[in-house]
Amino acid sequence: MISRRMTFYFDAASCSGCKACQIACLDRHGLDVDRPWRRVSEVAGGGWEQDGAAWRNTVFAYHLSISCNHCERPICLEGCPARAITRRDDGVVFIDPDHCLGCGYCSWTCPYSAPRLHAAQGVMTKCTFCAEDLDEGREPACVAACPVRALDAGDPAELAVRHGSSDHGAGLAPLPCASLTEPALHLAPHADGERSTEPGVELTPRPPRGLREWSLVLFTVLSQMAAGLAIMTGFMPSRADVMLPVSAVLMAVAMVVSTWHLGRPRNAWRSFLNLRSSWLSREILLALGLLGSAVIGVPWLAVPAAVLFLVGMGRVYMQRTMPSWNSWRTMLAFTATALLLGGLLANALLWTVGPVDAGLVRLASIALLAICGVGIGLGGGLAGSRHGSMIRSAGHVSVALAVVTIGMLWLRPESSAGIASTMLCWLTFLFALLDQFTRRRAYFGRYERLGV
């Protein structure tokens, strides 16, 4: 008989770190060793402290056995754009491989590193709670394999009877706060569990930091540039015939590039099926809206579509389990990139297609200065230490070129439509583009998963 709410129990004080549970899981589901659904991690810290004339040993170590915790508020299910993740009545959370895109968004947001990419199939996989065994009245493979009975599974009421309490320490560091996803995990903490927040404590293995997502770097920069160019038509609607077709091309290229990120591109059509709860689905729909309005060529449609798209993209990354991205700085930096690249590209396009009225040149120079100031200044929060020097170099060159161009436009507006000023406008844009690509790479490199 299926329990009302399946929950894992783990006793950190009893666990010996033998990894029998991890091996049993690999064997039961035929998993590769580099794609475990259950992982045993070691938490270790302490050292030597001087106590008068003597030295005292404060070393501690214990183990955690963690898999998918089939949460009450599964953020993977909320965020999955394809509705490939479902939840049974007993709380067991599944990934349907036939519906999965292989986008990896569930892996980004999960604080327990549960979803893992099956590279050969291009889909995400994770712990199923051995649902087939549960339905036949057997224990999950990991529970059955534990030689010291540090693992158990069942309804919370049953676990309370067997283990003496329904209280749990599922939010004890290095595990994330339980209120984030309300995991189905009752954890009896180790005696040194509260010391896991001390400086120098090591978690082994530790989740990798940073993402190498070149396709998403390209998609975010190109699509934000397209949105910024569309916004510029609100200030210059008479030149929408020049700017909106370029915006449409940039957006179309960005959307094609985004499919390179998918493990299973043929399921890309499912990516906007979860509009109810997934900001990723909403972002994709808003991207189509921006593309459509740019193709139609009407500024009063394109400008709000671009603004809504930038809001949707920002919300994709501002998730409650990603503290390094869940900040107003993300939305500000994305907007700054759109204004900087869209404004500079609009400027270069307008100087290329024909001369600008001399009476508007000085006004254009002030706008150019404002665009560079907003984009380079407010976008500076994206810089990471690894790429800081390159960012500063490209950004400084872009600003220097903009200043030269502004000086030319301001001092001699009547002769500003020559090849020199046009080339300077394009060089300013290209260096700013390099600057923003480098910043975006640094942004993805700053990603650090919350939890284990």
Protein backbone atom coordinates (compact mmCIF):
# COMPACT_ATOMS: atom_id res chain seq x y z
CA MET A 1 0.00 0.00 0.00
CA ILE A 2 1.38 3.42 -0.97
CA SER A 3 2.08 5.71 1.96
CA ARG A 4 0.39 9.09 2.12
CA ARG A 5 3.62 11.11 1.91
CA MET A 6 6.86 9.30 1.24
CA THR A 7 9.79 10.77 3.18
CA PHE A 8 13.45 9.86 3.63
CA TYR A 9 15.01 9.56 7.07
CA PHE A 10 18.76 9.89 7.53
CA ASP A 11 20.75 9.54 10.74
CA ALA A 12 24.02 11.46 10.26
CA ALA A 13 25.35 10.21 13.59
CA SER A 14 25.10 6.56 12.51
CA CYS A 15 26.35 6.89 8.92
CA SER A 16 29.83 5.42 8.41
CA GLY A 17 30.30 6.85 4.91
CA CYS A 18 30.62 3.40 3.34
CA LYS A 19 28.59 4.48 0.26
CA ALA A 20 26.65 1.22 0.11
CA CYS A 21 23.50 3.29 -0.53
CA GLN A 22 25.15 5.10 -3.44
CA ILE A 23 26.39 1.87 -5.01
CA ALA A 24 23.02 0.17 -4.56
CA CYS A 25 21.31 3.05 -6.34
CA LEU A 26 23.78 2.89 -9.23
CA ASP A 27 23.23 -0.85 -9.55
CA ARG A 28 19.44 -0.78 -9.18
CA HIS A 29 18.96 1.83 -11.93
CA GLY A 30 21.93 1.04 -14.18
CA LEU A 31 23.53 4.44 -13.70
CA ASP A 32 26.99 5.60 -14.75
CA VAL A 33 29.38 6.25 -11.88
CA ASP A 34 29.59 9.94 -12.85
CA ARG A 35 25.79 10.31 -12.71
CA PRO A 36 24.76 9.10 -9.24
CA TRP A 37 21.26 9.83 -8.01
CA ARG A 38 22.33 9.44 -4.37
CA ARG A 39 25.64 10.90 -3.19
CA VAL A 40 27.52 10.49 0.07
CA SER A 41 29.41 13.66 1.04
CA GLU A 42 31.84 14.27 3.87
CA VAL A 43 31.65 17.35 6.06
CA ALA A 44 34.95 17.98 7.84
CA GLY A 45 36.46 20.87 9.76
CA GLY A 46 38.27 21.96 12.89
CA GLY A 47 41.98 21.89 13.61
CA TRP A 48 44.25 22.66 16.53
CA GLU A 49 43.54 25.36 19.11
CA GLN A 50 45.95 26.56 21.76
CA ASP A 51 44.73 26.00 25.31
CA GLY A 52 47.26 27.66 27.61
CA ALA A 53 50.55 25.85 27.16
CA ALA A 54 48.86 22.92 25.44
CA TRP A 55 47.17 22.40 22.09
CA ARG A 56 43.69 20.95 21.78
CA ASN A 57 42.38 18.95 18.80
CA THR A 58 39.00 20.25 17.50
CA VAL A 59 38.78 18.14 14.33
CA PHE A 60 35.36 16.75 13.38
CA ALA A 61 33.92 14.87 10.41
CA TYR A 62 30.63 13.25 9.50
CA HIS A 63 28.78 12.14 6.38
CA LEU A 64 25.58 13.07 4.57
CA SER A 65 23.69 10.77 2.20
CA ILE A 66 21.54 12.97 -0.03
CA SER A 67 19.39 12.34 -3.10
CA CYS A 68 16.30 14.03 -4.50
CA ASN A 69 14.15 14.83 -1.47
CA HIS A 70 10.83 14.88 -3.36
CA CYS A 71 9.99 18.29 -1.90
CA GLU A 72 6.60 19.63 -0.95
CA ARG A 73 7.45 22.76 -3.00
CA PRO A 74 9.62 21.24 -5.74
CA ILE A 75 11.29 24.16 -7.48
CA CYS A 76 12.29 21.82 -10.32
CA LEU A 77 8.61 21.17 -11.06
CA GLU A 78 7.73 24.87 -10.79
CA GLY A 79 10.47 25.93 -13.19
CA CYS A 80 10.37 23.16 -15.79
CA PRO A 81 9.12 24.83 -19.00
CA ALA A 82 8.10 21.57 -20.68
CA ARG A 83 5.94 20.19 -17.84
CA ALA A 84 8.20 17.14 -17.88
CA ILE A 85 8.25 16.93 -14.08
CA THR A 86 5.24 15.57 -12.21
CA ARG A 87 4.40 14.65 -8.62
CA ARG A 88 2.39 11.63 -7.47
CA ASP A 89 -0.18 11.69 -4.69
CA ASP A 90 2.40 10.18 -2.32
CA GLY A 91 4.83 13.04 -3.05
CA VAL A 92 7.23 11.15 -5.34
CA VAL A 93 8.55 13.52 -8.05
CA PHE A 94 9.30 12.14 -11.53
CA ILE A 95 10.95 13.40 -14.72
CA ASP A 96 9.28 12.17 -17.91
CA PRO A 97 12.11 11.60 -20.42
CA ASP A 98 9.71 11.78 -23.37
CA HIS A 99 8.79 15.35 -22.48
CA CYS A 100 12.16 16.63 -21.20
CA LEU A 101 14.10 19.23 -23.23
CA GLY A 102 17.40 18.61 -21.50
CA CYS A 103 17.67 22.33 -20.78
CA GLY A 104 19.13 21.69 -17.32
CA TYR A 105 17.12 24.44 -15.61
CA CYS A 106 15.91 22.02 -12.95
CA SER A 107 19.53 21.21 -12.15
CA TRP A 108 20.40 24.91 -11.75
CA THR A 109 17.66 25.57 -9.26
CA CYS A 110 17.69 22.35 -7.19
CA PRO A 111 19.56 22.94 -3.89
CA TYR A 112 20.28 19.21 -3.60
CA SER A 113 21.92 18.79 -7.05
CA ALA A 114 19.38 16.05 -7.73
CA PRO A 115 18.63 16.25 -11.49
CA ARG A 116 21.55 14.96 -13.57
CA LEU A 117 21.97 15.12 -17.34
CA HIS A 118 22.02 11.82 -19.21
CA ALA A 119 24.32 13.05 -21.98
CA ALA A 120 23.68 10.13 -24.35
CA GLN A 121 19.90 10.60 -24.22
CA GLY A 122 19.93 14.39 -23.79
CA VAL A 123 17.48 14.36 -20.86
CA MET A 124 17.57 15.01 -17.14
CA THR A 125 17.27 12.11 -14.71
CA LYS A 126 17.04 11.79 -10.93
CA CYS A 127 15.99 9.62 -7.99
CA THR A 128 12.55 8.03 -8.43
CA PHE A 129 12.28 6.80 -4.81
CA CYS A 130 12.38 3.33 -6.43
CA ALA A 131 8.66 3.82 -7.08
CA GLU A 132 8.26 0.37 -8.64
CA ASP A 133 9.56 -1.22 -5.44
CA LEU A 134 7.37 1.02 -3.26
CA ASP A 135 4.29 -0.03 -5.22
CA GLU A 136 5.15 -3.67 -4.53
CA GLY A 137 5.71 -3.06 -0.82
CA ARG A 138 9.54 -3.10 -0.89
CA GLU A 139 12.04 -0.56 0.42
CA PRO A 140 14.03 1.74 -1.88
CA ALA A 141 17.36 0.17 -2.89
CA CYS A 142 19.42 2.69 -0.89
CA VAL A 143 17.47 2.02 2.29
CA ALA A 144 17.68 -1.75 1.91
CA ALA A 145 21.45 -1.60 1.31
CA CYS A 146 22.45 0.51 4.33
CA PRO A 147 24.36 -1.82 6.72
CA VAL A 148 23.98 0.43 9.77
CA ARG A 149 20.32 1.37 9.09
CA ALA A 150 21.17 5.08 8.86
CA LEU A 151 18.60 5.39 6.05
CA ASP A 152 14.89 4.77 6.22
CA ALA A 153 11.80 5.74 4.24
CA GLY A 154 8.10 5.95 4.88
CA ASP A 155 5.27 8.21 5.90
CA PRO A 156 6.31 10.92 8.41
CA ALA A 157 4.02 9.43 11.07
CA GLU A 158 5.60 6.00 10.59
CA LEU A 159 9.10 7.48 10.79
CA ALA A 160 8.19 9.31 14.00
CA VAL A 161 7.10 6.02 15.59
CA ARG A 162 10.22 4.15 14.47
CA HIS A 163 12.74 6.86 15.29
CA GLY A 164 11.13 8.57 18.24
CA SER A 165 10.47 12.04 16.86
CA SER A 166 9.01 13.84 13.88
CA ASP A 167 11.41 16.75 14.33
CA HIS A 168 14.01 17.02 11.61
CA GLY A 169 17.15 19.01 10.84
CA ALA A 170 16.74 19.15 7.06
CA GLY A 171 17.79 22.80 7.08
CA LEU A 172 21.00 22.28 9.07
CA ALA A 173 24.08 23.52 7.14
CA PRO A 174 25.50 22.60 4.72
CA LEU A 175 21.95 21.72 3.67
CA PRO A 176 19.86 24.71 2.59
CA CYS A 177 17.04 26.20 4.62
CA ALA A 178 14.15 23.73 4.60
CA SER A 179 11.60 26.49 3.90
CA LEU A 180 13.02 26.98 0.39
CA THR A 181 11.52 23.76 -0.98
CA GLU A 182 10.14 21.90 2.09
CA PRO A 183 12.06 18.67 1.46
CA ALA A 184 10.65 15.26 2.39
CA LEU A 185 13.70 14.59 4.54
CA HIS A 186 13.88 13.89 8.26
CA LEU A 187 17.46 14.24 9.36
CA ALA A 188 18.87 13.27 12.73
CA PRO A 189 21.90 15.58 12.85
CA HIS A 190 25.39 14.62 13.90
CA ALA A 191 26.59 15.94 17.27
CA ASP A 192 28.93 18.33 15.42
CA GLY A 193 26.30 19.32 12.85
CA GLU A 194 26.03 22.90 14.09
CA ARG A 195 29.78 23.35 13.60
CA SER A 196 29.36 22.98 9.83
CA THR A 197 29.11 26.78 9.50
CA GLU A 198 32.57 27.36 11.01
CA PRO A 199 35.27 28.87 8.77
CA GLY A 200 37.35 26.34 6.87
CA VAL A 201 34.78 23.54 6.88
CA GLU A 202 35.10 21.38 3.76
CA LEU A 203 32.30 19.61 1.90
CA THR A 204 33.58 16.75 -0.29
CA PRO A 205 32.56 16.38 -3.05
CA ARG A 206 31.47 20.00 -3.45
CA PRO A 207 29.07 21.02 -6.22
CA PRO A 208 30.97 22.68 -9.08
CA ARG A 209 30.94 26.45 -9.15
CA GLY A 210 30.23 28.36 -12.33
CA LEU A 211 28.52 27.43 -15.58
CA ARG A 212 30.12 27.18 -19.00
CA GLU A 213 27.06 27.97 -21.04
CA TRP A 214 28.35 29.65 -24.19
CA SER A 215 25.04 29.25 -25.99
CA LEU A 216 23.24 31.08 -23.16
CA VAL A 217 25.92 33.77 -23.05
CA LEU A 218 25.26 34.39 -26.76
CA PHE A 219 21.48 34.16 -26.35
CA THR A 220 21.25 36.61 -23.45
CA VAL A 221 23.54 39.22 -25.02
CA LEU A 222 22.00 39.03 -28.52
CA SER A 223 18.41 39.04 -27.26
CA GLN A 224 19.05 41.92 -24.87
CA MET A 225 20.66 43.87 -27.70
CA ALA A 226 17.56 43.19 -29.82
CA ALA A 227 15.33 44.39 -26.97
CA GLY A 228 17.43 47.54 -26.50
CA LEU A 229 17.28 48.32 -30.22
CA ALA A 230 13.48 47.93 -30.14
CA ILE A 231 13.28 50.28 -27.14
CA MET A 232 15.28 52.89 -29.09
CA THR A 233 12.49 53.04 -31.69
CA GLY A 234 10.32 54.61 -29.02
CA PHE A 235 12.63 57.64 -29.10
CA MET A 236 13.09 57.62 -32.90
CA PRO A 237 9.88 56.12 -34.37
CA SER A 238 10.61 57.67 -37.77
CA ARG A 239 13.61 55.35 -38.15
CA ALA A 240 11.82 52.18 -37.05
CA ASP A 241 12.07 50.99 -40.65
CA VAL A 242 15.84 50.70 -40.12
CA MET A 243 16.05 49.47 -36.52
CA LEU A 244 13.17 47.00 -36.13
CA PRO A 245 14.23 44.67 -38.99
CA VAL A 246 17.71 44.44 -37.43
CA SER A 247 16.10 43.80 -34.03
CA ALA A 248 14.02 40.98 -35.55
CA VAL A 249 17.10 39.37 -37.12
CA LEU A 250 19.05 39.56 -33.84
CA MET A 251 16.13 38.03 -31.92
CA ALA A 252 15.71 35.22 -34.45
CA VAL A 253 19.42 34.39 -34.32
CA ALA A 254 19.35 34.46 -30.50
CA MET A 255 16.46 31.99 -30.39
CA VAL A 256 18.21 29.61 -32.79
CA VAL A 257 21.37 29.82 -30.67
CA SER A 258 19.37 29.01 -27.52
CA THR A 259 18.45 25.59 -28.94
CA TRP A 260 22.16 24.64 -28.90
CA HIS A 261 21.81 24.50 -25.13
CA LEU A 262 19.14 21.80 -25.25
CA GLY A 263 19.96 18.14 -24.84
CA ARG A 264 16.90 17.23 -26.91
CA PRO A 265 16.17 20.09 -29.38
CA ARG A 266 13.30 18.21 -31.02
CA ASN A 267 11.25 18.85 -27.87
CA ALA A 268 11.85 22.62 -28.06
CA TRP A 269 8.20 23.18 -28.99
CA ARG A 270 7.26 22.11 -25.44
CA SER A 271 9.25 24.95 -23.91
CA PHE A 272 6.28 27.27 -23.35
CA LEU A 273 3.83 24.70 -21.92
CA ASN A 274 4.26 25.71 -18.26
CA LEU A 275 3.19 29.36 -18.33
CA ARG A 276 1.38 28.85 -15.02
CA SER A 277 4.53 28.63 -12.90
CA SER A 278 7.69 28.68 -15.05
CA TRP A 279 9.41 31.99 -15.79
CA LEU A 280 11.42 30.15 -18.42
CA SER A 281 8.22 29.37 -20.33
CA ARG A 282 7.12 32.96 -19.94
CA GLU A 283 10.47 34.25 -21.17
CA ILE A 284 10.19 32.13 -24.32
CA LEU A 285 6.65 33.37 -25.00
CA LEU A 286 7.77 36.97 -24.44
CA ALA A 287 10.73 36.39 -26.79
CA LEU A 288 8.28 35.27 -29.49
CA GLY A 289 6.22 38.38 -28.76
CA LEU A 290 9.25 40.63 -29.22
CA LEU A 291 10.19 38.85 -32.45
CA GLY A 292 6.67 39.16 -33.81
CA SER A 293 6.33 42.86 -32.95
CA ALA A 294 9.71 43.60 -34.54
CA VAL A 295 8.70 41.76 -37.71
CA ILE A 296 5.43 43.71 -37.87
CA GLY A 297 7.50 46.89 -37.52
CA VAL A 298 5.24 48.91 -35.21
CA PRO A 299 7.17 50.80 -32.47
CA TRP A 300 4.24 51.09 -30.06
CA LEU A 301 4.08 47.27 -30.03
CA ALA A 302 7.82 46.64 -30.04
CA VAL A 303 8.73 48.89 -27.10
CA PRO A 304 6.42 47.28 -24.47
CA ALA A 305 7.25 43.83 -25.87
CA ALA A 306 10.97 44.55 -25.34
CA VAL A 307 10.42 45.79 -21.78
CA LEU A 308 8.32 42.75 -20.88
CA PHE A 309 10.94 40.43 -22.38
CA LEU A 310 13.69 41.98 -20.23
CA VAL A 311 11.53 41.53 -17.12
CA GLY A 312 10.84 37.90 -18.02
CA MET A 313 14.51 37.15 -18.65
CA GLY A 314 15.51 38.71 -15.34
CA ARG A 315 12.97 36.61 -13.44
CA VAL A 316 14.34 33.39 -15.00
CA TYR A 317 17.63 33.92 -13.15
CA MET A 318 16.22 35.44 -9.94
CA GLN A 319 15.26 32.15 -8.27
CA ARG A 320 14.98 31.67 -4.50
CA THR A 321 17.58 28.88 -4.46
CA MET A 322 20.25 30.86 -6.38
CA PRO A 323 21.51 33.56 -3.99
CA SER A 324 24.32 34.66 -6.32
CA TRP A 325 21.73 35.63 -8.96
CA ASN A 326 18.61 36.35 -6.88
CA SER A 327 19.19 40.09 -6.65
CA TRP A 328 17.89 43.34 -8.14
CA ARG A 329 21.36 43.69 -9.67
CA THR A 330 20.49 40.98 -12.18
CA MET A 331 17.53 42.93 -13.56
CA LEU A 332 19.53 46.16 -13.50
CA ALA A 333 22.51 44.63 -15.32
CA PHE A 334 20.31 43.04 -18.02
CA THR A 335 18.57 46.38 -18.58
CA ALA A 336 21.92 48.19 -18.72
CA THR A 337 23.19 45.75 -21.36
CA ALA A 338 20.05 46.29 -23.45
CA LEU A 339 20.31 50.09 -23.26
CA LEU A 340 24.05 50.13 -23.94
CA LEU A 341 24.16 47.73 -26.89
CA GLY A 342 20.78 48.73 -28.31
CA GLY A 343 21.60 52.41 -28.10
CA LEU A 344 25.08 52.12 -29.59
CA LEU A 345 23.85 49.84 -32.38
CA ALA A 346 21.01 52.26 -33.18
CA ASN A 347 23.53 55.09 -33.27
CA ALA A 348 25.84 53.19 -35.65
CA LEU A 349 22.97 52.11 -37.91
CA LEU A 350 21.61 55.63 -38.25
CA TRP A 351 25.00 57.10 -39.14
CA THR A 352 25.49 54.30 -41.70
CA VAL A 353 22.19 54.57 -43.59
CA GLY A 354 22.44 58.30 -44.18
CA PRO A 355 23.37 61.75 -42.86
CA VAL A 356 21.69 63.03 -39.73
CA ASP A 357 20.34 66.56 -39.62
CA ALA A 358 23.09 68.82 -38.24
CA GLY A 359 20.69 70.45 -35.80
CA LEU A 360 20.18 67.09 -34.04
CA VAL A 361 23.82 66.06 -33.92
CA ARG A 362 24.62 67.72 -30.60
CA LEU A 363 21.51 66.14 -29.05
CA ALA A 364 22.64 62.77 -30.42
CA SER A 365 26.07 63.23 -28.84
CA ILE A 366 24.52 63.81 -25.42
CA ALA A 367 22.38 60.68 -25.86
CA LEU A 368 25.48 58.68 -26.81
CA LEU A 369 27.26 59.82 -23.65
CA ALA A 370 24.24 58.91 -21.53
CA ILE A 371 24.00 55.44 -23.09
CA CYS A 372 27.68 54.71 -22.43
CA GLY A 373 27.39 55.99 -18.87
CA VAL A 374 24.34 53.89 -18.06
CA GLY A 375 25.60 50.75 -19.76
CA ILE A 376 29.22 50.76 -18.57
CA GLY A 377 28.45 52.20 -15.13
CA LEU A 378 25.39 50.24 -14.01
CA GLY A 379 26.54 47.05 -15.75
CA GLY A 380 29.79 47.05 -13.76
CA GLY A 381 28.24 44.83 -11.09
CA LEU A 382 28.55 41.86 -13.45
CA ALA A 383 32.34 41.96 -13.46
CA GLY A 384 34.03 38.94 -11.88
CA SER A 385 37.57 38.81 -10.57
CA ARG A 386 38.70 36.26 -13.18
CA HIS A 387 37.73 38.47 -16.10
CA GLY A 388 38.01 41.89 -14.46
CA SER A 389 41.03 43.18 -16.39
CA MET A 390 39.55 42.22 -19.76
CA ILE A 391 36.25 43.83 -18.81
CA ARG A 392 37.92 47.06 -17.75
CA SER A 393 40.02 47.17 -20.93
CA ALA A 394 37.11 46.66 -23.34
CA GLY A 395 34.87 48.98 -21.36
CA HIS A 396 37.49 51.74 -21.18
CA VAL A 397 38.20 51.53 -24.91
CA SER A 398 34.48 51.75 -25.62
CA VAL A 399 34.11 54.84 -23.43
CA ALA A 400 37.25 56.44 -24.93
CA LEU A 401 35.93 55.94 -28.46
CA ALA A 402 32.57 57.33 -27.43
CA VAL A 403 34.24 60.45 -26.00
CA VAL A 404 36.20 60.97 -29.24
CA THR A 405 33.02 60.56 -31.27
CA ILE A 406 31.11 62.93 -29.01
CA GLY A 407 33.88 65.51 -29.31
CA MET A 408 33.74 65.32 -33.10
CA LEU A 409 29.96 65.60 -33.16
CA TRP A 410 29.92 68.49 -30.70
CA LEU A 411 32.69 70.58 -32.24
CA ARG A 412 31.86 70.10 -35.93
CA PRO A 413 28.27 68.89 -36.35
CA GLU A 414 28.02 70.20 -39.90
CA SER A 415 30.72 67.79 -41.14
CA SER A 416 29.97 64.85 -38.87
CA ALA A 417 28.35 62.55 -41.42
CA GLY A 418 31.65 61.43 -42.89
CA ILE A 419 33.27 58.03 -42.88
CA ALA A 420 35.42 58.82 -39.82
CA SER A 421 32.51 59.46 -37.46
CA THR A 422 30.62 56.43 -38.83
CA MET A 423 33.62 54.15 -38.25
CA LEU A 424 34.06 55.52 -34.74
CA CYS A 425 30.41 54.77 -33.98
CA TRP A 426 30.86 51.17 -35.13
CA LEU A 427 34.12 50.74 -33.21
CA THR A 428 32.45 52.06 -30.07
CA PHE A 429 29.65 49.53 -30.49
CA LEU A 430 32.02 46.60 -31.17
CA PHE A 431 34.19 47.25 -28.11
CA ALA A 432 31.06 47.62 -25.97
CA LEU A 433 29.82 44.29 -27.39
CA LEU A 434 33.10 42.60 -26.41
CA ASP A 435 32.80 44.19 -22.97
CA GLN A 436 29.29 42.81 -22.46
CA PHE A 437 30.14 39.32 -23.71
CA THR A 438 32.98 39.20 -21.18
CA ARG A 439 30.73 40.44 -18.39
CA ARG A 440 28.08 37.86 -19.22
CA ARG A 441 30.65 35.07 -19.19
CA ALA A 442 31.73 36.30 -15.75
CA TYR A 443 28.08 36.35 -14.65
CA PHE A 444 27.59 32.68 -15.48
CA GLY A 445 30.97 31.93 -13.90
CA ARG A 446 29.72 33.37 -10.60
CA TYR A 447 26.95 30.79 -10.33
CA GLU A 448 27.20 28.77 -7.15
CA ARG A 449 24.59 26.19 -6.26
CA LEU A 450 22.99 26.63 -2.87
CA GLY A 451 23.25 23.47 -0.78
CA VAL A 452 25.01 20.17 -1.58
